[in-house]
Amino acid sequence: MQKLVVLKLDGDLSQGVKVTLEIGAEGDRASIEVQGYLPSKPEIIADYRLWRTTYRSLSNFRITPVNIHVGTSLNEHLNNCHKLNKKLNEQMNSWLNCNSFRPVKDKLLKQLTLDDTVRVLIKTSDTWLRRLPWHLWDFFEDYQKAEVALSAPEYEYLPKPKTSTIGGKVKILAILGNSEGILIDKDRELLEMLPDAETTFLVEPQRSQLNKQLWEQDWDILFFAGHSESLEDGKSGNIYINQTDCLTIEQIKYALKKAVSQGLQLAIFNSCDGLGLASQLEDLHIPQIIVMREPVQDLVAQEFLKNFLQKFSSGESLYLAVRESREKLHGIEDQYPCAVCLPIICQNPAAIPPTWKDLLKNLEPRTGQPQLNNYKTRPYSKPLSFQKVLLLSLVITSLVMGVRWLKILQKWELQALDHLMQLRPPEKQDKRLFIK
């Protein structure tokens, strides 16, 4: 069974967090609500900062067009990164297993079965709570069909997307931005291999080109590969669309709003440090967003994209496609530490994630204009005037009255009456009648 779990987090790691758990069937309103509390745990922030600093000292990220180099030996650095990630994992699970949170976790375990497909939304506006690697929660070890996503506390309900029909195409707008020091040609190859997809590539476009495409066409998926970064507040970010121009989401927000109104369902930013970008995209109510929570290296970005597109386009749900593709990155963590931690979904709670089939074009135009049917119609003729209608009525009335007065039809009327009388069933003799 498909379930939706929402954890509303009100507070922060320094002061404590009030938790509201909601559980319901996918597509329905929550049927269960439970309150809980997570105490302050500032040590998690300290551990995260230390891990983040160590991780970011690696090189060849898709962050800014400048490489950062490791000062110590590579093996020592990788081992240190793994150890710090393990410590962060232990701190998180210790926090999530506290007594004040137990009512929430117990209710969660009671209401879900191991066979349920579960979407878990972490609904919070706190930057540090959004940065945490929630997939490390031991809950996800037991529930293999569950995946976590981030959600903004405020959102809008969206119009229901059109259903698919045979013969459609998934329309993708792919922006290949500044590629200095990184390799994004592989991203293009993977998109070109997609079945039932029509992909338009903008290679190092100007802002006006990007704006025009978003305004003038309808898209199902928006894709970006290149350099990007989030600001330290985690609320905004930049994408480097060409060799000279750096854009914020704010600078193309009206074009993105137009794209959402025309059916945009999914935005994938296969680039570095995307949580700030996701925060701005959420404000525009894009239904589903996939970003990398921290800087990402080429091979990690490409492996994730390859596995995700294969699973998603073959019919797997978006959440399970992300989970499996994310976990497959574990196989390269000997060279790329903590790769499993990077991909994250950011979800508008009002939207139900589409499948690949759902994204296929409806034959009916998306603009809402009625589609002409295939039936032949008669040529349009101008209505008769009132005078002509009145004259025609008088002629017909006079004709009927004249026929009746001349008794032209009387012979046929009497024959018809006689025939009907003969068809009547025989009746018994009425004793009240006497014939003399």
Protein backbone atom coordinates (compact mmCIF):
# COMPACT_ATOMS: atom_id res chain seq x y z
CA MET A 1 0.00 0.00 0.00
CA GLN A 2 1.18 3.55 -0.71
CA LYS A 3 1.48 5.80 2.35
CA LEU A 4 2.41 9.42 2.92
CA VAL A 5 4.20 10.33 6.14
CA VAL A 6 4.74 13.99 7.04
CA LEU A 7 7.00 15.14 9.88
CA LYS A 8 6.38 18.81 10.65
CA LEU A 9 9.41 20.20 12.50
CA ASP A 10 8.90 23.49 14.33
CA GLY A 11 12.10 24.73 15.95
CA ASP A 12 15.82 24.17 15.52
CA LEU A 13 18.72 22.09 16.81
CA SER A 14 19.80 24.77 19.28
CA GLN A 15 16.43 25.26 21.04
CA GLY A 16 14.61 21.98 20.41
CA VAL A 17 12.04 20.90 17.87
CA LYS A 18 8.29 20.34 18.25
CA VAL A 19 7.27 17.43 16.00
CA THR A 20 3.89 16.67 14.44
CA LEU A 21 3.51 13.34 12.68
CA GLU A 22 0.81 12.84 10.04
CA ILE A 23 0.11 9.51 8.33
CA GLY A 24 -2.35 8.84 5.53
CA ALA A 25 -2.89 6.88 2.35
CA GLU A 26 -1.37 8.38 -0.78
CA GLY A 27 -3.74 10.94 -2.27
CA ASP A 28 -5.94 11.20 0.84
CA ARG A 29 -5.95 13.47 3.87
CA ALA A 30 -3.99 12.33 6.89
CA SER A 31 -5.96 9.96 9.11
CA ILE A 32 -3.49 9.95 12.04
CA GLU A 33 -1.76 12.80 13.85
CA VAL A 34 0.66 12.46 16.77
CA GLN A 35 2.71 15.04 18.67
CA GLY A 36 6.30 14.59 19.85
CA TYR A 37 9.42 16.52 20.73
CA LEU A 38 13.11 16.43 19.84
CA PRO A 39 15.42 18.10 22.39
CA SER A 40 18.17 20.55 21.50
CA LYS A 41 21.22 18.88 20.02
CA PRO A 42 23.74 21.52 18.89
CA GLU A 43 26.44 18.84 18.70
CA ILE A 44 24.90 17.68 15.43
CA ILE A 45 25.57 21.10 13.90
CA ALA A 46 29.18 20.97 15.06
CA ASP A 47 29.66 17.46 13.68
CA TYR A 48 28.03 18.44 10.40
CA ARG A 49 30.25 21.50 10.04
CA LEU A 50 33.36 19.39 10.62
CA TRP A 51 32.26 16.74 8.13
CA ARG A 52 31.29 19.41 5.61
CA THR A 53 34.67 21.13 5.82
CA THR A 54 36.50 17.83 5.35
CA TYR A 55 34.27 16.75 2.48
CA ARG A 56 34.51 20.07 0.65
CA SER A 57 38.29 19.97 0.65
CA LEU A 58 38.05 17.37 -2.14
CA SER A 59 38.50 18.62 -5.71
CA ASN A 60 36.79 18.75 -9.12
CA PHE A 61 33.33 19.57 -7.85
CA ARG A 62 30.56 21.07 -9.96
CA ILE A 63 30.39 24.03 -7.59
CA THR A 64 32.22 27.10 -8.91
CA PRO A 65 34.63 27.16 -11.86
CA VAL A 66 37.57 26.92 -9.41
CA ASN A 67 39.08 23.69 -8.11
CA ILE A 68 39.82 23.09 -4.43
CA HIS A 69 42.68 20.74 -3.66
CA VAL A 70 43.27 18.37 -0.77
CA GLY A 71 46.19 19.34 1.46
CA THR A 72 46.80 15.90 3.00
CA SER A 73 47.18 12.47 1.41
CA LEU A 74 44.07 11.33 -0.42
CA ASN A 75 43.57 8.03 1.44
CA GLU A 76 43.89 9.71 4.82
CA HIS A 77 41.42 12.35 3.75
CA LEU A 78 38.87 9.81 2.48
CA ASN A 79 39.08 7.77 5.69
CA ASN A 80 38.62 10.88 7.79
CA CYS A 81 35.55 11.85 5.76
CA HIS A 82 34.00 8.40 6.29
CA LYS A 83 34.66 8.52 10.04
CA LEU A 84 33.07 11.94 10.41
CA ASN A 85 30.04 10.78 8.43
CA LYS A 86 29.70 7.74 10.70
CA LYS A 87 29.86 9.96 13.77
CA LEU A 88 27.16 12.21 12.32
CA ASN A 89 25.05 9.12 11.67
CA GLU A 90 25.36 8.01 15.31
CA GLN A 91 24.51 11.48 16.62
CA MET A 92 21.39 11.72 14.46
CA ASN A 93 20.04 8.31 15.48
CA SER A 94 20.77 8.99 19.14
CA TRP A 95 18.72 12.19 18.81
CA LEU A 96 15.87 10.44 16.96
CA ASN A 97 15.71 7.62 19.54
CA CYS A 98 15.18 9.92 22.54
CA ASN A 99 12.19 9.27 24.86
CA SER A 100 10.29 12.42 23.89
CA PHE A 101 10.28 11.32 20.25
CA ARG A 102 9.31 7.72 21.02
CA PRO A 103 5.49 8.24 20.69
CA VAL A 104 6.07 9.46 17.14
CA LYS A 105 8.33 6.59 16.17
CA ASP A 106 6.13 3.95 17.83
CA LYS A 107 3.05 5.20 15.99
CA LEU A 108 5.02 5.23 12.76
CA LEU A 109 6.13 1.62 13.18
CA LYS A 110 2.63 0.52 14.20
CA GLN A 111 0.87 2.06 11.20
CA LEU A 112 3.30 0.97 8.49
CA THR A 113 4.15 -2.47 7.17
CA LEU A 114 7.46 -3.45 5.61
CA ASP A 115 5.72 -3.90 2.25
CA ASP A 116 4.28 -0.36 2.19
CA THR A 117 5.64 2.13 -0.31
CA VAL A 118 6.23 5.21 1.82
CA ARG A 119 7.01 8.83 1.05
CA VAL A 120 8.42 10.63 4.10
CA LEU A 121 8.27 14.43 3.93
CA ILE A 122 10.40 16.48 6.32
CA LYS A 123 8.52 19.77 6.48
CA THR A 124 10.69 22.54 7.92
CA SER A 125 12.12 25.94 7.07
CA ASP A 126 15.19 25.64 9.32
CA THR A 127 18.38 25.53 7.25
CA TRP A 128 20.26 23.06 9.46
CA LEU A 129 17.35 20.65 9.72
CA ARG A 130 17.12 20.68 5.92
CA ARG A 131 20.84 20.00 5.58
CA LEU A 132 20.78 16.86 7.72
CA PRO A 133 21.16 13.52 5.88
CA TRP A 134 17.76 12.17 6.93
CA HIS A 135 18.27 8.95 4.99
CA LEU A 136 20.71 7.92 7.75
CA TRP A 137 17.77 7.49 10.16
CA ASP A 138 17.64 3.78 11.07
CA PHE A 139 13.93 3.78 10.13
CA PHE A 140 14.97 3.59 6.47
CA GLU A 141 17.10 0.51 7.08
CA ASP A 142 13.96 -1.50 7.87
CA TYR A 143 11.61 0.11 5.36
CA GLN A 144 13.25 -0.57 2.01
CA LYS A 145 10.37 0.96 0.02
CA ALA A 146 10.54 4.28 1.83
CA GLU A 147 12.38 7.43 0.74
CA VAL A 148 12.72 10.84 2.33
CA ALA A 149 12.16 14.28 0.83
CA LEU A 150 12.27 17.86 2.06
CA SER A 151 9.23 20.11 1.99
CA ALA A 152 8.57 23.77 2.67
CA PRO A 153 6.04 24.59 5.43
CA GLU A 154 4.09 26.83 3.05
CA TYR A 155 2.85 25.62 -0.32
CA GLU A 156 0.01 25.92 -2.81
CA TYR A 157 -2.28 23.30 -4.27
CA LEU A 158 -1.57 22.70 -7.92
CA PRO A 159 -3.91 21.91 -10.82
CA LYS A 160 -4.09 18.21 -11.60
CA PRO A 161 -1.65 17.34 -14.42
CA LYS A 162 -3.07 15.95 -17.63
CA THR A 163 -3.20 12.20 -18.08
CA SER A 164 -1.05 10.51 -20.67
CA THR A 165 -2.03 9.12 -24.02
CA ILE A 166 -0.28 6.79 -26.43
CA GLY A 167 2.10 8.46 -28.84
CA GLY A 168 3.12 11.36 -26.62
CA LYS A 169 6.59 12.60 -25.70
CA VAL A 170 8.12 13.76 -22.45
CA LYS A 171 9.42 17.26 -23.14
CA ILE A 172 12.71 18.14 -21.47
CA LEU A 173 14.52 21.47 -21.43
CA ALA A 174 18.19 20.71 -20.70
CA ILE A 175 20.52 23.57 -19.77
CA LEU A 176 24.20 22.71 -20.12
CA GLY A 177 25.94 25.58 -18.39
CA ASN A 178 29.52 26.55 -17.63
CA SER A 179 31.60 23.36 -17.81
CA GLU A 180 35.02 24.72 -16.91
CA GLY A 181 37.00 21.92 -15.23
CA ILE A 182 34.14 19.39 -15.36
CA LEU A 183 32.61 17.01 -17.89
CA ILE A 184 28.92 17.38 -18.64
CA ASP A 185 28.83 15.83 -22.12
CA LYS A 186 27.94 12.53 -20.44
CA ASP A 187 24.80 14.15 -19.03
CA ARG A 188 23.77 15.04 -22.56
CA GLU A 189 24.37 11.50 -23.81
CA LEU A 190 22.20 10.06 -21.04
CA LEU A 191 19.34 12.44 -21.84
CA GLU A 192 19.57 11.66 -25.55
CA MET A 193 19.14 7.94 -24.81
CA LEU A 194 15.80 8.39 -23.05
CA PRO A 195 12.80 6.64 -24.63
CA ASP A 196 9.70 8.65 -25.59
CA ALA A 197 11.45 11.93 -24.83
CA GLU A 198 11.98 15.13 -26.79
CA THR A 199 14.92 17.05 -25.34
CA THR A 200 15.89 20.60 -26.25
CA PHE A 201 19.48 21.46 -25.30
CA LEU A 202 20.62 24.97 -24.42
CA VAL A 203 24.43 24.91 -24.39
CA GLU A 204 25.87 27.81 -22.38
CA PRO A 205 22.82 29.94 -23.22
CA GLN A 206 22.29 33.62 -22.68
CA ARG A 207 19.73 34.60 -20.08
CA SER A 208 17.35 35.83 -22.80
CA GLN A 209 17.48 32.43 -24.58
CA LEU A 210 16.61 30.57 -21.40
CA ASN A 211 13.85 33.01 -20.55
CA LYS A 212 12.34 32.68 -24.04
CA GLN A 213 12.25 28.87 -23.92
CA LEU A 214 10.55 28.84 -20.52
CA TRP A 215 7.93 31.35 -21.62
CA GLU A 216 7.11 30.10 -25.09
CA GLN A 217 7.00 26.31 -24.70
CA ASP A 218 5.57 23.84 -22.23
CA TRP A 219 7.99 21.46 -20.47
CA ASP A 220 7.64 18.38 -18.31
CA ILE A 221 11.20 18.32 -16.97
CA LEU A 222 13.75 21.08 -16.46
CA PHE A 223 17.34 19.84 -16.28
CA PHE A 224 20.56 21.69 -15.41
CA ALA A 225 24.17 20.47 -15.47
CA GLY A 226 27.15 22.68 -14.80
CA HIS A 227 28.48 24.73 -11.91
CA SER A 228 26.15 25.89 -9.13
CA GLU A 229 26.30 26.87 -5.47
CA SER A 230 24.07 27.85 -2.55
CA LEU A 231 24.62 30.80 -0.28
CA GLU A 232 25.50 30.11 3.33
CA ASP A 233 22.00 30.90 4.56
CA GLY A 234 20.68 27.97 2.52
CA LYS A 235 17.86 30.11 1.12
CA SER A 236 19.21 30.99 -2.32
CA GLY A 237 21.88 30.05 -4.82
CA ASN A 238 23.51 30.65 -8.19
CA ILE A 239 23.79 28.72 -11.44
CA TYR A 240 26.55 29.46 -13.95
CA ILE A 241 24.81 29.28 -17.32
CA ASN A 242 27.80 30.25 -19.47
CA GLN A 243 31.38 31.49 -19.21
CA THR A 244 30.41 34.95 -17.97
CA ASP A 245 26.87 34.89 -16.57
CA CYS A 246 25.72 33.73 -13.15
CA LEU A 247 21.98 33.57 -12.51
CA THR A 248 19.84 33.33 -9.40
CA ILE A 249 16.43 31.69 -9.44
CA GLU A 250 14.99 35.09 -8.60
CA GLN A 251 16.19 36.41 -11.97
CA ILE A 252 14.10 33.87 -13.91
CA LYS A 253 11.23 33.41 -11.45
CA TYR A 254 8.48 34.72 -13.73
CA ALA A 255 9.57 32.42 -16.55
CA LEU A 256 9.64 29.47 -14.12
CA LYS A 257 6.16 30.36 -12.82
CA LYS A 258 4.93 30.34 -16.39
CA ALA A 259 6.54 26.92 -16.93
CA VAL A 260 4.82 25.55 -13.81
CA SER A 261 1.45 26.87 -14.98
CA GLN A 262 2.00 25.10 -18.31
CA GLY A 263 2.74 21.72 -16.76
CA LEU A 264 6.35 21.60 -15.49
CA GLN A 265 6.47 18.65 -13.08
CA LEU A 266 10.12 17.97 -12.28
CA ALA A 267 13.32 20.01 -12.00
CA ILE A 268 16.66 18.18 -11.81
CA PHE A 269 19.78 20.16 -10.91
CA ASN A 270 22.65 17.71 -11.42
CA SER A 271 25.09 20.21 -10.00
CA CYS A 272 26.69 21.22 -6.72
CA ASP A 273 25.25 22.46 -3.46
CA GLY A 274 21.60 22.68 -4.52
CA LEU A 275 19.64 23.17 -1.29
CA GLY A 276 19.59 26.94 -1.66
CA LEU A 277 18.39 26.58 -5.24
CA ALA A 278 15.72 24.12 -4.10
CA SER A 279 14.48 26.56 -1.46
CA GLN A 280 13.87 29.21 -4.12
CA LEU A 281 12.32 26.70 -6.51
CA GLU A 282 9.94 25.56 -3.76
CA ASP A 283 8.74 29.15 -3.40
CA LEU A 284 7.66 28.93 -7.05
CA HIS A 285 5.69 25.74 -6.24
CA ILE A 286 7.52 23.45 -8.64
CA PRO A 287 6.01 20.03 -7.84
CA GLN A 288 9.19 17.91 -7.58
CA ILE A 289 12.85 18.93 -7.43
CA ILE A 290 15.98 16.77 -7.29
CA VAL A 291 19.23 18.42 -6.19
CA MET A 292 22.58 17.52 -4.64
CA ARG A 293 22.76 18.68 -1.03
CA GLU A 294 26.52 19.25 -1.17
CA PRO A 295 29.21 19.64 -3.87
CA VAL A 296 29.24 16.70 -6.28
CA GLN A 297 31.94 15.28 -8.52
CA ASP A 298 31.45 14.37 -12.16
CA LEU A 299 31.34 10.59 -11.84
CA VAL A 300 28.90 10.73 -8.91
CA ALA A 301 26.58 13.10 -10.78
CA GLN A 302 26.72 10.99 -13.93
CA GLU A 303 26.21 7.66 -12.16
CA PHE A 304 23.22 8.96 -10.27
CA LEU A 305 21.66 10.46 -13.39
CA LYS A 306 22.23 7.30 -15.44
CA ASN A 307 20.65 5.01 -12.83
CA PHE A 308 17.78 7.39 -12.06
CA LEU A 309 16.79 7.89 -15.69
CA GLN A 310 16.94 4.14 -16.36
CA LYS A 311 14.69 3.29 -13.41
CA PHE A 312 12.30 6.21 -13.78
CA SER A 313 11.80 5.86 -17.54
CA SER A 314 11.20 2.11 -17.16
CA GLY A 315 8.18 2.71 -14.90
CA GLU A 316 9.57 2.88 -11.36
CA SER A 317 8.09 5.52 -9.06
CA LEU A 318 10.09 8.73 -8.71
CA TYR A 319 10.86 8.16 -5.02
CA LEU A 320 11.99 4.56 -5.37
CA ALA A 321 13.99 5.43 -8.49
CA VAL A 322 15.83 8.10 -6.48
CA ARG A 323 16.43 5.76 -3.54
CA GLU A 324 17.83 2.90 -5.62
CA SER A 325 19.98 5.25 -7.71
CA ARG A 326 21.26 6.97 -4.58
CA GLU A 327 22.12 3.69 -2.85
CA LYS A 328 23.95 2.39 -5.93
CA LEU A 329 26.45 5.19 -5.36
CA HIS A 330 27.67 3.24 -2.33
CA GLY A 331 29.72 1.14 -4.74
CA ILE A 332 32.03 4.07 -5.57
CA GLU A 333 32.40 5.50 -2.06
CA ASP A 334 35.94 4.13 -1.82
CA GLN A 335 36.91 6.98 -4.15
CA TYR A 336 33.98 9.36 -3.65
CA PRO A 337 33.09 9.38 0.05
CA CYS A 338 29.52 9.98 1.20
CA ALA A 339 28.15 9.94 -2.35
CA VAL A 340 24.98 8.24 -1.04
CA CYS A 341 24.26 11.35 1.04
CA LEU A 342 24.07 13.75 -1.88
CA PRO A 343 20.84 13.32 -3.93
CA ILE A 344 17.71 14.63 -2.23
CA ILE A 345 14.11 15.22 -3.34
CA CYS A 346 12.35 18.48 -2.49
CA GLN A 347 8.60 18.01 -2.75
CA ASN A 348 5.52 20.21 -2.95
CA PRO A 349 3.16 18.37 -0.54
CA ALA A 350 0.18 19.24 -2.72
CA ALA A 351 1.55 17.24 -5.66
CA ILE A 352 1.64 13.49 -6.17
CA PRO A 353 4.91 12.49 -7.86
CA PRO A 354 4.31 11.46 -11.48
CA THR A 355 5.54 8.34 -13.19
CA TRP A 356 7.24 8.48 -16.57
CA LYS A 357 3.96 7.48 -18.18
CA ASP A 358 2.19 10.35 -16.43
CA LEU A 359 4.63 12.79 -18.03
CA LEU A 360 3.84 11.69 -21.56
CA LYS A 361 2.01 14.34 -23.52
CA ASN A 362 -1.75 14.39 -23.71
CA LEU A 363 -2.95 14.71 -27.28
CA GLU A 364 -5.23 17.49 -26.09
CA PRO A 365 -3.46 20.86 -26.23
CA ARG A 366 -2.14 22.03 -22.84
CA THR A 367 -3.25 25.57 -23.49
CA GLY A 368 -6.81 24.56 -22.65
CA GLN A 369 -8.08 25.27 -26.17
CA PRO A 370 -10.77 22.75 -27.22
CA GLN A 371 -9.58 20.10 -29.63
CA LEU A 372 -11.57 19.75 -32.85
CA ASN A 373 -13.20 16.35 -33.18
CA ASN A 374 -13.01 14.12 -36.23
CA TYR A 375 -16.70 14.20 -37.07
CA LYS A 376 -17.83 15.94 -40.28
CA THR A 377 -20.03 18.93 -39.69
CA ARG A 378 -22.43 20.70 -41.99
CA PRO A 379 -21.52 24.09 -43.35
CA TYR A 380 -22.64 26.92 -41.15
CA SER A 381 -25.81 28.71 -42.37
CA LYS A 382 -27.26 32.02 -41.28
CA PRO A 383 -30.43 31.80 -39.10
CA LEU A 384 -33.78 32.77 -40.72
CA SER A 385 -35.20 36.19 -39.93
CA PHE A 386 -38.39 36.60 -37.83
CA GLN A 387 -40.44 37.70 -40.86
CA LYS A 388 -39.48 34.58 -42.83
CA VAL A 389 -40.30 32.30 -39.91
CA LEU A 390 -43.73 33.98 -39.49
CA LEU A 391 -44.55 33.72 -43.20
CA LEU A 392 -43.50 30.06 -43.34
CA SER A 393 -45.70 29.27 -40.32
CA LEU A 394 -48.75 30.93 -41.93
CA VAL A 395 -48.26 28.99 -45.17
CA ILE A 396 -48.00 25.62 -43.39
CA THR A 397 -51.03 26.35 -41.18
CA SER A 398 -53.13 27.38 -44.19
CA LEU A 399 -52.10 24.24 -46.07
CA VAL A 400 -53.12 21.94 -43.19
CA MET A 401 -56.48 23.68 -42.69
CA GLY A 402 -57.22 23.61 -46.45
CA VAL A 403 -56.58 19.88 -46.68
CA ARG A 404 -58.92 19.22 -43.74
CA TRP A 405 -61.71 21.49 -45.18
CA LEU A 406 -61.57 19.79 -48.59
CA LYS A 407 -61.66 16.35 -46.91
CA ILE A 408 -58.87 15.13 -49.17
CA LEU A 409 -57.58 12.70 -46.56
CA GLN A 410 -60.99 11.59 -45.23
CA LYS A 411 -61.14 8.32 -47.28
CA TRP A 412 -57.75 7.15 -45.93
CA GLU A 413 -58.64 8.21 -42.39
CA LEU A 414 -61.88 6.10 -42.39
CA GLN A 415 -60.03 3.08 -43.83
CA ALA A 416 -57.39 3.38 -41.10
CA LEU A 417 -60.09 3.64 -38.40
CA ASP A 418 -61.92 0.55 -39.77
CA HIS A 419 -58.68 -1.41 -39.82
CA LEU A 420 -57.91 -0.48 -36.21
CA MET A 421 -61.44 -1.49 -35.11
CA GLN A 422 -60.98 -4.90 -36.71
CA LEU A 423 -57.78 -5.40 -34.76
CA ARG A 424 -59.64 -5.12 -31.45
CA PRO A 425 -60.01 -8.45 -29.56
CA PRO A 426 -63.55 -10.01 -29.50
CA GLU A 427 -65.79 -8.88 -26.63
CA LYS A 428 -68.65 -10.68 -24.78
CA GLN A 429 -72.29 -9.72 -25.54
CA ASP A 430 -73.52 -6.90 -23.37
CA LYS A 431 -76.89 -8.08 -21.85
CA ARG A 432 -77.97 -4.49 -21.32
CA LEU A 433 -78.44 -4.03 -25.07
CA PHE A 434 -81.72 -5.20 -26.76
CA ILE A 435 -82.24 -5.20 -30.53
CA LYS A 436 -85.91 -5.42 -31.68
